[in-house]
N, C-alpha and C. Protein backbone atom coordinates (compact mmCIF):
# COMPACT_ATOMS: atom_id res chain seq x y z
N UNK A 1 -16.17 0.25 -3.49
CA UNK A 1 -14.94 -0.32 -4.00
C UNK A 1 -14.57 0.32 -5.34
N UNK A 2 -15.57 0.78 -6.10
CA UNK A 2 -15.29 1.40 -7.38
C UNK A 2 -14.48 2.68 -7.22
N UNK A 3 -14.81 3.49 -6.21
CA UNK A 3 -14.06 4.71 -5.96
C UNK A 3 -12.61 4.38 -5.61
N UNK A 4 -12.42 3.33 -4.82
CA UNK A 4 -11.07 2.92 -4.46
C UNK A 4 -10.31 2.49 -5.70
N UNK A 5 -10.93 1.74 -6.59
CA UNK A 5 -10.29 1.28 -7.82
C UNK A 5 -9.88 2.46 -8.68
N UNK A 6 -10.74 3.44 -8.79
CA UNK A 6 -10.43 4.65 -9.56
C UNK A 6 -9.26 5.41 -8.93
N UNK A 7 -9.27 5.53 -7.61
CA UNK A 7 -8.17 6.23 -6.92
C UNK A 7 -6.85 5.50 -7.13
N UNK A 8 -6.90 4.18 -7.04
CA UNK A 8 -5.68 3.40 -7.22
C UNK A 8 -5.17 3.52 -8.65
N UNK A 9 -6.06 3.53 -9.63
CA UNK A 9 -5.67 3.69 -11.03
C UNK A 9 -5.02 5.06 -11.25
N UNK A 10 -5.57 6.09 -10.63
CA UNK A 10 -4.99 7.44 -10.74
C UNK A 10 -3.60 7.47 -10.12
N UNK A 11 -3.43 6.81 -8.98
CA UNK A 11 -2.11 6.75 -8.35
C UNK A 11 -1.13 6.01 -9.26
N UNK A 12 -1.55 4.87 -9.82
CA UNK A 12 -0.66 4.10 -10.70
C UNK A 12 -0.20 4.94 -11.88
N UNK A 13 -1.11 5.69 -12.46
CA UNK A 13 -0.77 6.56 -13.57
C UNK A 13 0.27 7.60 -13.13
N UNK A 14 0.05 8.19 -11.97
CA UNK A 14 1.01 9.16 -11.45
C UNK A 14 2.37 8.49 -11.18
N UNK A 15 2.36 7.32 -10.55
CA UNK A 15 3.59 6.62 -10.20
C UNK A 15 4.37 6.24 -11.46
N UNK A 16 3.69 5.81 -12.50
CA UNK A 16 4.37 5.45 -13.74
C UNK A 16 5.06 6.65 -14.38
N UNK A 17 4.53 7.84 -14.13
CA UNK A 17 5.12 9.06 -14.70
C UNK A 17 6.23 9.64 -13.81
N UNK A 18 6.42 9.10 -12.61
CA UNK A 18 7.40 9.63 -11.66
C UNK A 18 8.28 8.49 -11.15
N UNK A 19 9.18 8.02 -11.99
CA UNK A 19 10.01 6.87 -11.62
C UNK A 19 11.36 7.28 -11.03
N UNK A 20 11.67 8.56 -10.99
CA UNK A 20 12.93 9.02 -10.43
C UNK A 20 12.95 8.80 -8.91
N UNK A 21 14.14 8.72 -8.30
CA UNK A 21 14.22 8.53 -6.84
C UNK A 21 13.47 9.65 -6.10
N UNK A 22 12.84 9.30 -5.03
CA UNK A 22 12.04 10.25 -4.26
C UNK A 22 12.96 11.09 -3.38
N UNK A 23 12.95 12.41 -3.55
CA UNK A 23 13.86 13.27 -2.77
C UNK A 23 13.35 13.60 -1.36
N UNK A 24 12.14 13.13 -1.01
CA UNK A 24 11.56 13.48 0.28
C UNK A 24 12.22 12.72 1.42
N UNK A 25 11.97 13.18 2.63
CA UNK A 25 12.51 12.52 3.82
C UNK A 25 11.82 11.18 4.02
N UNK A 26 12.48 10.24 4.74
CA UNK A 26 11.82 8.96 5.04
C UNK A 26 10.49 9.14 5.79
N UNK A 27 10.40 10.14 6.64
CA UNK A 27 9.16 10.37 7.38
C UNK A 27 8.02 10.75 6.43
N UNK A 28 8.32 11.61 5.46
CA UNK A 28 7.30 12.00 4.49
C UNK A 28 6.87 10.81 3.64
N UNK A 29 7.82 9.99 3.26
CA UNK A 29 7.51 8.80 2.47
C UNK A 29 6.64 7.85 3.28
N UNK A 30 6.96 7.64 4.55
CA UNK A 30 6.16 6.75 5.40
C UNK A 30 4.75 7.28 5.59
N UNK A 31 4.59 8.60 5.66
CA UNK A 31 3.25 9.18 5.77
C UNK A 31 2.41 8.82 4.55
N UNK A 32 3.04 8.86 3.37
CA UNK A 32 2.33 8.50 2.15
C UNK A 32 2.05 7.00 2.09
N UNK A 33 2.99 6.19 2.54
CA UNK A 33 2.76 4.75 2.59
C UNK A 33 1.60 4.45 3.53
N UNK A 34 1.54 5.16 4.65
CA UNK A 34 0.42 4.99 5.58
C UNK A 34 -0.90 5.34 4.90
N UNK A 35 -0.92 6.43 4.15
CA UNK A 35 -2.13 6.82 3.44
C UNK A 35 -2.53 5.74 2.44
N UNK A 36 -1.56 5.22 1.69
CA UNK A 36 -1.86 4.16 0.72
C UNK A 36 -2.40 2.92 1.43
N UNK A 37 -1.75 2.54 2.53
CA UNK A 37 -2.19 1.38 3.29
C UNK A 37 -3.63 1.55 3.76
N UNK A 38 -3.95 2.70 4.30
CA UNK A 38 -5.30 2.95 4.79
C UNK A 38 -6.32 3.02 3.66
N UNK A 39 -5.86 3.30 2.44
CA UNK A 39 -6.79 3.40 1.31
C UNK A 39 -7.24 2.02 0.82
N UNK A 40 -6.50 0.97 1.17
CA UNK A 40 -6.94 -0.38 0.79
C UNK A 40 -8.17 -0.75 1.60
N UNK A 41 -9.18 -1.31 0.97
CA UNK A 41 -10.35 -1.77 1.73
C UNK A 41 -9.92 -2.85 2.73
N UNK A 42 -10.66 -2.96 3.79
CA UNK A 42 -10.34 -3.92 4.86
C UNK A 42 -10.20 -5.34 4.32
N UNK A 43 -11.10 -5.73 3.43
CA UNK A 43 -11.03 -7.10 2.90
C UNK A 43 -9.76 -7.35 2.09
N UNK A 44 -9.25 -6.32 1.45
CA UNK A 44 -7.99 -6.47 0.70
C UNK A 44 -6.82 -6.63 1.67
N UNK A 45 -6.85 -5.86 2.76
CA UNK A 45 -5.76 -5.96 3.74
C UNK A 45 -5.77 -7.29 4.47
N UNK A 46 -6.90 -7.96 4.57
CA UNK A 46 -7.03 -9.17 5.38
C UNK A 46 -6.96 -10.47 4.57
N UNK A 47 -7.06 -10.39 3.23
CA UNK A 47 -7.15 -11.59 2.41
C UNK A 47 -6.05 -11.61 1.36
N UNK A 48 -5.37 -12.73 1.23
CA UNK A 48 -4.37 -12.90 0.18
C UNK A 48 -5.07 -13.56 -1.00
N UNK A 49 -5.32 -12.82 -2.10
CA UNK A 49 -6.07 -13.38 -3.21
C UNK A 49 -5.31 -14.43 -4.02
N UNK A 50 -3.99 -14.48 -3.89
CA UNK A 50 -3.19 -15.44 -4.64
C UNK A 50 -2.04 -15.91 -3.77
N UNK A 51 -2.28 -16.91 -2.92
CA UNK A 51 -1.27 -17.32 -1.92
C UNK A 51 0.00 -17.92 -2.52
N UNK A 52 0.03 -18.22 -3.81
CA UNK A 52 1.24 -18.78 -4.42
C UNK A 52 2.30 -17.72 -4.72
N UNK A 53 1.93 -16.47 -4.68
CA UNK A 53 2.89 -15.40 -4.97
C UNK A 53 3.57 -14.97 -3.68
N UNK A 54 4.83 -15.36 -3.52
CA UNK A 54 5.53 -15.10 -2.26
C UNK A 54 5.72 -13.61 -2.00
N UNK A 55 5.89 -12.81 -3.03
CA UNK A 55 6.04 -11.37 -2.84
C UNK A 55 4.80 -10.76 -2.22
N UNK A 56 3.65 -11.22 -2.65
CA UNK A 56 2.39 -10.74 -2.09
C UNK A 56 2.28 -11.18 -0.64
N UNK A 57 2.68 -12.41 -0.36
CA UNK A 57 2.64 -12.90 1.02
C UNK A 57 3.54 -12.04 1.92
N UNK A 58 4.72 -11.71 1.43
CA UNK A 58 5.62 -10.86 2.21
C UNK A 58 5.03 -9.48 2.42
N UNK A 59 4.37 -8.94 1.39
CA UNK A 59 3.73 -7.63 1.53
C UNK A 59 2.65 -7.68 2.60
N UNK A 60 1.83 -8.73 2.59
CA UNK A 60 0.80 -8.87 3.62
C UNK A 60 1.42 -9.04 5.01
N UNK A 61 2.53 -9.76 5.10
CA UNK A 61 3.21 -9.92 6.38
C UNK A 61 3.66 -8.56 6.90
N UNK A 62 4.26 -7.75 6.03
CA UNK A 62 4.72 -6.41 6.42
C UNK A 62 3.52 -5.54 6.80
N UNK A 63 2.43 -5.61 6.02
CA UNK A 63 1.23 -4.85 6.36
C UNK A 63 0.70 -5.26 7.73
N UNK A 64 0.73 -6.56 8.03
CA UNK A 64 0.28 -7.03 9.34
C UNK A 64 1.12 -6.47 10.47
N UNK A 65 2.44 -6.47 10.28
CA UNK A 65 3.33 -5.89 11.29
C UNK A 65 3.06 -4.41 11.44
N UNK A 66 2.88 -3.74 10.32
CA UNK A 66 2.61 -2.30 10.34
C UNK A 66 1.29 -2.02 11.07
N UNK A 67 0.26 -2.82 10.78
CA UNK A 67 -1.04 -2.62 11.41
C UNK A 67 -0.94 -2.79 12.92
N UNK A 68 -0.24 -3.81 13.37
CA UNK A 68 -0.08 -4.01 14.81
C UNK A 68 0.67 -2.84 15.44
N UNK A 69 1.69 -2.34 14.78
CA UNK A 69 2.45 -1.20 15.31
C UNK A 69 1.58 0.06 15.34
N UNK A 70 0.80 0.26 14.28
CA UNK A 70 -0.06 1.43 14.19
C UNK A 70 -1.12 1.43 15.28
N UNK A 71 -1.62 0.24 15.65
CA UNK A 71 -2.68 0.16 16.64
C UNK A 71 -2.15 0.22 18.08
N UNK A 72 -0.84 0.02 18.26
CA UNK A 72 -0.32 0.02 19.64
C UNK A 72 0.12 1.40 20.07
């Protein structure tokens, strides 16, 4: 989990430095979103650590839909 935390911190640092609109195609962006999704540990993808935050709940709902689509 430590390696994942370090990778996520490096991504956050990069993302904070690149706030301009992404010029890439939607397909390229989705490929990166897929990579980010797969980089989350299984327990993070399956557990909502703070169920009172509706935005997080919606994110997990979308991840669940994405996971079902990816597996079919």
